[in-house]
Amino acid sequence: MEAGIQILQNAEAAKMYKDLIIQLNKDFLRAGLSEQFGEDLAAEALMRNLTGSLYTTLVSDFEVYLNLLYVIDVSESKIKNLPQQEVHELVFAVSELILEREFVKVSFKNRSE
């Protein structure tokens, strides 16, 4: 969870926190998930809400979970390289990968504008 918070703090420092949340919301919608994250959420609350949403999706609809990872473009090799762990630990690790990828996307987008 700490790595996810660090990514969010880096996004705040780079003035891209709101853009990251907008991108996250857009990708959730594209994956067919109605979960949306408020742009005014603190980093800890965003991380908590993201992991909660991932946990629910993972245990209730694995296909939608996989589609979300595909839409966000989380590296398949990074997912495969995660150690064997309990589901609640896995969603923290996947949340960090999602935030990492979303931050790369918004960084690239902001650089090219």
Foldseek 3Di string as FASTA:
>chain_A
DVLQLVLLVVCVVVVNNLVLQVLLQVLCVVLVHPDHDDSPDRSVVVLVSQLVVLLCCVVPPVVSNVSSCVSLVQDPVQLVPDDDDDSSVSSSVVSSSSSVSSSVVSVVVVVVD
